């Protein structure tokens, strides 16, 4: 018996990964005191909107 690989929804995976990366980047840059508050809010809002887009994408 061979197992078939599970299908991956690539657009959902990409949106989730970029959203997570934005949150981590803001966290690290704020620890280093290298980011302005306006830029941090912009990056976090972009990450949250990508999470929302990932939730709206259809499953295959």
PDB file of N, CA and C in Angstrom:
ATOM      1  N   UNK A   1       0.837  -1.185   0.000  1.00  0.00           N
ATOM      2  CA  UNK A   1       0.000   0.000   0.000  1.00  0.00           C
ATOM      3  C   UNK A   1       0.880   1.245   0.000  1.00  0.00           C
ATOM      4  N   UNK A   2       0.549   2.121  -0.870  1.00  0.00           N
ATOM      5  CA  UNK A   2       1.257   3.400  -0.884  1.00  0.00           C
ATOM      6  C   UNK A   2       0.301   4.494  -0.464  1.00  0.00           C
ATOM      7  N   UNK A   3       0.835   5.447   0.236  1.00  0.00           N
ATOM      8  CA  UNK A   3       0.015   6.571   0.662  1.00  0.00           C
ATOM      9  C   UNK A   3       0.182   7.707  -0.323  1.00  0.00           C
ATOM     10  N   UNK A   4      -0.940   8.301  -0.664  1.00  0.00           N
ATOM     11  CA  UNK A   4      -0.900   9.453  -1.551  1.00  0.00           C
ATOM     12  C   UNK A   4      -0.573  10.693  -0.724  1.00  0.00           C
ATOM     13  N   UNK A   5       0.230  11.594  -1.279  1.00  0.00           N
ATOM     14  CA  UNK A   5       0.532  12.813  -0.525  1.00  0.00           C
ATOM     15  C   UNK A   5      -0.710  13.686  -0.372  1.00  0.00           C
ATOM     16  N   UNK A   6      -0.796  14.336   0.763  1.00  0.00           N
ATOM     17  CA  UNK A   6      -1.938  15.209   1.023  1.00  0.00           C
ATOM     18  C   UNK A   6      -1.839  16.445   0.137  1.00  0.00           C
ATOM     19  N   UNK A   7      -2.948  16.861  -0.457  1.00  0.00           N
ATOM     20  CA  UNK A   7      -2.903  18.056  -1.296  1.00  0.00           C
ATOM     21  C   UNK A   7      -2.656  19.308  -0.443  1.00  0.00           C
ATOM     22  N   UNK A   8      -1.889  20.225  -0.982  1.00  0.00           N
ATOM     23  CA  UNK A   8      -1.562  21.462  -0.287  1.00  0.00           C
ATOM     24  C   UNK A   8      -2.213  22.619  -1.017  1.00  0.00           C
ATOM     25  N   UNK A   9      -2.893  23.461  -0.270  1.00  0.00           N
ATOM     26  CA  UNK A   9      -3.492  24.660  -0.842  1.00  0.00           C
ATOM     27  C   UNK A   9      -2.432  25.762  -0.800  1.00  0.00           C
ATOM     28  N   UNK A  10      -1.679  25.919  -1.887  1.00  0.00           N
ATOM     29  CA  UNK A  10      -0.530  26.813  -1.908  1.00  0.00           C
ATOM     30  C   UNK A  10      -0.870  28.279  -1.647  1.00  0.00           C
ATOM     31  N   UNK A  11      -1.920  28.853  -2.234  1.00  0.00           N
ATOM     32  CA  UNK A  11      -2.203  30.266  -1.927  1.00  0.00           C
ATOM     33  C   UNK A  11      -2.508  30.484  -0.444  1.00  0.00           C
ATOM     34  N   UNK A  12      -3.223  29.584   0.173  1.00  0.00           N
ATOM     35  CA  UNK A  12      -3.527  29.718   1.601  1.00  0.00           C
ATOM     36  C   UNK A  12      -2.253  29.605   2.434  1.00  0.00           C
ATOM     37  N   UNK A  13      -1.387  28.675   2.067  1.00  0.00           N
ATOM     38  CA  UNK A  13      -0.122  28.500   2.772  1.00  0.00           C
ATOM     39  C   UNK A  13       0.759  29.733   2.642  1.00  0.00           C
ATOM     40  N   UNK A  14       0.816  30.311   1.458  1.00  0.00           N
ATOM     41  CA  UNK A  14       1.642  31.494   1.224  1.00  0.00           C
ATOM     42  C   UNK A  14       1.108  32.684   2.015  1.00  0.00           C
ATOM     43  N   UNK A  15      -0.188  32.898   1.998  1.00  0.00           N
ATOM     44  CA  UNK A  15      -0.769  34.024   2.743  1.00  0.00           C
ATOM     45  C   UNK A  15      -0.542  33.870   4.243  1.00  0.00           C
ATOM     46  N   UNK A  16      -0.700  32.674   4.753  1.00  0.00           N
ATOM     47  CA  UNK A  16      -0.479  32.433   6.179  1.00  0.00           C
ATOM     48  C   UNK A  16       0.986  32.626   6.545  1.00  0.00           C
ATOM     49  N   UNK A  17       1.890  32.146   5.708  1.00  0.00           N
ATOM     50  CA  UNK A  17       3.322  32.274   6.003  1.00  0.00           C
ATOM     51  C   UNK A  17       3.768  33.734   5.977  1.00  0.00           C
ATOM     52  N   UNK A  18       3.280  34.507   5.027  1.00  0.00           N
ATOM     53  CA  UNK A  18       3.664  35.916   4.957  1.00  0.00           C
ATOM     54  C   UNK A  18       3.079  36.683   6.141  1.00  0.00           C
ATOM     55  N   UNK A  19       1.847  36.365   6.522  1.00  0.00           N
ATOM     56  CA  UNK A  19       1.250  37.011   7.693  1.00  0.00           C
ATOM     57  C   UNK A  19       2.028  36.719   8.964  1.00  0.00           C
ATOM     58  N   UNK A  20       2.451  35.483   9.124  1.00  0.00           N
ATOM     59  CA  UNK A  20       3.257  35.110  10.286  1.00  0.00           C
ATOM     60  C   UNK A  20       4.613  35.803  10.245  1.00  0.00           C
ATOM     61  N   UNK A  21       5.219  35.881   9.070  1.00  0.00           N
ATOM     62  CA  UNK A  21       6.526  36.532   8.930  1.00  0.00           C
ATOM     63  C   UNK A  21       6.433  38.025   9.255  1.00  0.00           C
ATOM     64  N   UNK A  22       5.339  38.657   8.885  1.00  0.00           N
ATOM     65  CA  UNK A  22       5.169  40.078   9.210  1.00  0.00           C
ATOM     66  C   UNK A  22       5.101  40.287  10.721  1.00  0.00           C
ATOM     67  N   UNK A  23       4.371  39.434  11.413  1.00  0.00           N
ATOM     68  CA  UNK A  23       4.285  39.549  12.865  1.00  0.00           C
ATOM     69  C   UNK A  23       5.628  39.331  13.536  1.00  0.00           C
ATOM     70  N   UNK A  24       6.361  38.338  13.094  1.00  0.00           N
ATOM     71  CA  UNK A  24       7.681  38.068  13.668  1.00  0.00           C
ATOM     72  C   UNK A  24       8.641  39.216  13.365  1.00  0.00           C
ATOM     73  N   UNK A  25       8.586  39.756  12.163  1.00  0.00           N
ATOM     74  CA  UNK A  25       9.475  40.859  11.798  1.00  0.00           C
ATOM     75  C   UNK A  25       9.204  42.089  12.656  1.00  0.00           C
ATOM     76  N   UNK A  26       7.951  42.406  12.882  1.00  0.00           N
ATOM     77  CA  UNK A  26       7.622  43.558  13.723  1.00  0.00           C
ATOM     78  C   UNK A  26       8.089  43.324  15.150  1.00  0.00           C
ATOM     79  N   UNK A  27       7.919  42.113  15.658  1.00  0.00           N
ATOM     80  CA  UNK A  27       8.363  41.796  17.012  1.00  0.00           C
ATOM     81  C   UNK A  27       9.873  41.966  17.157  1.00  0.00           C
ATOM     82  N   UNK A  28      10.622  41.411  16.218  1.00  0.00           N
ATOM     83  CA  UNK A  28      12.088  41.487  16.292  1.00  0.00           C
ATOM     84  C   UNK A  28      12.571  42.921  16.114  1.00  0.00           C
ATOM     85  N   UNK A  29      12.011  43.635  15.150  1.00  0.00           N
ATOM     86  CA  UNK A  29      12.436  45.013  14.921  1.00  0.00           C
ATOM     87  C   UNK A  29      12.078  45.919  16.090  1.00  0.00           C
ATOM     88  N   UNK A  30      10.964  45.649  16.757  1.00  0.00           N
ATOM     89  CA  UNK A  30      10.612  46.465  17.918  1.00  0.00           C
ATOM     90  C   UNK A  30      11.526  46.154  19.100  1.00  0.00           C
ATOM     91  N   UNK A  31      11.976  44.914  19.234  1.00  0.00           N
ATOM     92  CA  UNK A  31      12.946  44.602  20.284  1.00  0.00           C
ATOM     93  C   UNK A  31      14.273  45.309  20.038  1.00  0.00           C
ATOM     94  N   UNK A  32      14.631  45.462  18.773  1.00  0.00           N
ATOM     95  CA  UNK A  32      15.887  46.119  18.417  1.00  0.00           C
ATOM     96  C   UNK A  32      15.749  47.640  18.355  1.00  0.00           C
ATOM     97  N   UNK A  33      14.524  48.169  18.542  1.00  0.00           N
ATOM     98  CA  UNK A  33      14.237  49.604  18.456  1.00  0.00           C
ATOM     99  C   UNK A  33      14.633  50.154  17.086  1.00  0.00           C
ATOM    100  N   UNK A  34      14.311  49.419  16.022  1.00  0.00           N
ATOM    101  CA  UNK A  34      14.673  49.809  14.662  1.00  0.00           C
ATOM    102  C   UNK A  34      13.460  50.088  13.782  1.00  0.00           C
ATOM    103  N   UNK A  35      12.274  50.204  14.356  1.00  0.00           N
ATOM    104  CA  UNK A  35      11.077  50.404  13.538  1.00  0.00           C
ATOM    105  C   UNK A  35      10.247  51.540  14.123  1.00  0.00           C
ATOM    106  N   UNK A  36       9.686  52.332  13.230  1.00  0.00           N
ATOM    107  CA  UNK A  36       8.802  53.413  13.633  1.00  0.00           C
ATOM    108  C   UNK A  36       7.407  52.830  13.907  1.00  0.00           C
ATOM    109  N   UNK A  37       6.640  53.435  14.810  1.00  0.00           N
ATOM    110  CA  UNK A  37       5.299  52.911  15.103  1.00  0.00           C
ATOM    111  C   UNK A  37       4.382  52.865  13.875  1.00  0.00           C
ATOM    112  N   UNK A  38       4.503  53.844  12.997  1.00  0.00           N
ATOM    113  CA  UNK A  38       3.655  53.855  11.799  1.00  0.00           C
ATOM    114  C   UNK A  38       3.971  52.665  10.910  1.00  0.00           C
ATOM    115  N   UNK A  39       5.246  52.353  10.767  1.00  0.00           N
ATOM    116  CA  UNK A  39       5.645  51.211   9.945  1.00  0.00           C
ATOM    117  C   UNK A  39       5.218  49.897  10.588  1.00  0.00           C
ATOM    118  N   UNK A  40       5.303  49.826  11.914  1.00  0.00           N
ATOM    119  CA  UNK A  40       4.892  48.609  12.610  1.00  0.00           C
ATOM    120  C   UNK A  40       3.398  48.357  12.427  1.00  0.00           C
ATOM    121  N   UNK A  41       2.603  49.403  12.547  1.00  0.00           N
ATOM    122  CA  UNK A  41       1.153  49.256  12.368  1.00  0.00           C
ATOM    123  C   UNK A  41       0.833  48.855  10.940  1.00  0.00           C
ATOM    124  N   UNK A  42       1.539  49.442   9.976  1.00  0.00           N
ATOM    125  CA  UNK A  42       1.323  49.093   8.570  1.00  0.00           C
ATOM    126  C   UNK A  42       1.661  47.624   8.308  1.00  0.00           C
ATOM    127  N   UNK A  43       2.788  47.160   8.840  1.00  0.00           N
ATOM    128  CA  UNK A  43       3.190  45.764   8.626  1.00  0.00           C
ATOM    129  C   UNK A  43       2.229  44.799   9.313  1.00  0.00           C
ATOM    130  N   UNK A  44       1.791  45.140  10.531  1.00  0.00           N
ATOM    131  CA  UNK A  44       0.844  44.261  11.221  1.00  0.00           C
ATOM    132  C   UNK A  44      -0.510  44.226  10.522  1.00  0.00           C
ATOM    133  N   UNK A  45      -0.954  45.373  10.001  1.00  0.00           N
ATOM    134  CA  UNK A  45      -2.234  45.372   9.288  1.00  0.00           C
ATOM    135  C   UNK A  45      -2.144  44.568   7.999  1.00  0.00           C
ATOM    136  N   UNK A  46      -1.002  44.613   7.334  1.00  0.00           N
ATOM    137  CA  UNK A  46      -0.810  43.792   6.143  1.00  0.00           C
ATOM    138  C   UNK A  46      -0.840  42.306   6.501  1.00  0.00           C
ATOM    139  N   UNK A  47      -0.197  41.942   7.602  1.00  0.00           N
ATOM    140  CA  UNK A  47      -0.210  40.548   8.042  1.00  0.00           C
ATOM    141  C   UNK A  47      -1.603  40.065   8.396  1.00  0.00           C
ATOM    142  N   UNK A  48      -2.370  40.894   9.092  1.00  0.00           N
ATOM    143  CA  UNK A  48      -3.735  40.513   9.467  1.00  0.00           C
ATOM    144  C   UNK A  48      -4.623  40.402   8.238  1.00  0.00           C
ATOM    145  N   UNK A  49      -4.444  41.298   7.268  1.00  0.00           N
ATOM    146  CA  UNK A  49      -5.260  41.208   6.060  1.00  0.00           C
ATOM    147  C   UNK A  49      -4.905  39.959   5.253  1.00  0.00           C
ATOM    148  N   UNK A  50      -3.629  39.535   5.281  1.00  0.00           N
ATOM    149  CA  UNK A  50      -3.273  38.286   4.604  1.00  0.00           C
ATOM    150  C   UNK A  50      -3.858  37.078   5.320  1.00  0.00           C
ATOM    151  N   UNK A  51      -3.918  37.119   6.653  1.00  0.00           N
ATOM    152  CA  UNK A  51      -4.599  36.046   7.380  1.00  0.00           C
ATOM    153  C   UNK A  51      -6.075  35.988   6.984  1.00  0.00           C
ATOM    154  N   UNK A  52      -6.699  37.146   6.855  1.00  0.00           N
ATOM    155  CA  UNK A  52      -8.098  37.182   6.431  1.00  0.00           C
ATOM    156  C   UNK A  52      -8.280  36.638   5.025  1.00  0.00           C
ATOM    157  N   UNK A  53      -7.357  36.975   4.138  1.00  0.00           N
ATOM    158  CA  UNK A  53      -7.434  36.460   2.774  1.00  0.00           C
ATOM    159  C   UNK A  53      -7.248  34.950   2.764  1.00  0.00           C
ATOM    160  N   UNK A  54      -6.376  34.449   3.631  1.00  0.00           N
ATOM    161  CA  UNK A  54      -6.161  32.993   3.696  1.00  0.00           C
ATOM    162  C   UNK A  54      -7.418  32.282   4.178  1.00  0.00           C
ATOM    163  N   UNK A  55      -8.151  32.905   5.089  1.00  0.00           N
ATOM    164  CA  UNK A  55      -9.392  32.293   5.578  1.00  0.00           C
ATOM    165  C   UNK A  55     -10.498  32.334   4.524  1.00  0.00           C
ATOM    166  N   UNK A  56     -10.449  33.315   3.626  1.00  0.00           N
ATOM    167  CA  UNK A  56     -11.484  33.423   2.598  1.00  0.00           C
ATOM    168  C   UNK A  56     -11.229  32.552   1.389  1.00  0.00           C
ATOM    169  N   UNK A  57     -10.003  32.048   1.225  1.00  0.00           N
ATOM    170  CA  UNK A  57      -9.705  31.214   0.076  1.00  0.00           C
ATOM    171  C   UNK A  57     -10.424  29.876   0.191  1.00  0.00           C
ATOM    172  N   UNK A  58     -10.864  29.367  -0.942  1.00  0.00           N
ATOM    173  CA  UNK A  58     -11.601  28.106  -0.972  1.00  0.00           C
ATOM    174  C   UNK A  58     -10.650  26.911  -0.806  1.00  0.00           C
ATOM    175  N   UNK A  59     -11.148  25.861  -0.192  1.00  0.00           N
ATOM    176  CA  UNK A  59     -10.389  24.608  -0.119  1.00  0.00           C
ATOM    177  C   UNK A  59     -10.563  23.849  -1.422  1.00  0.00           C
ATOM    178  N   UNK A  60      -9.503  23.183  -1.818  1.00  0.00           N
ATOM    179  CA  UNK A  60      -9.596  22.390  -3.044  1.00  0.00           C
ATOM    180  C   UNK A  60      -9.952  20.966  -2.717  1.00  0.00           C
TER     181      UNK A  60
END
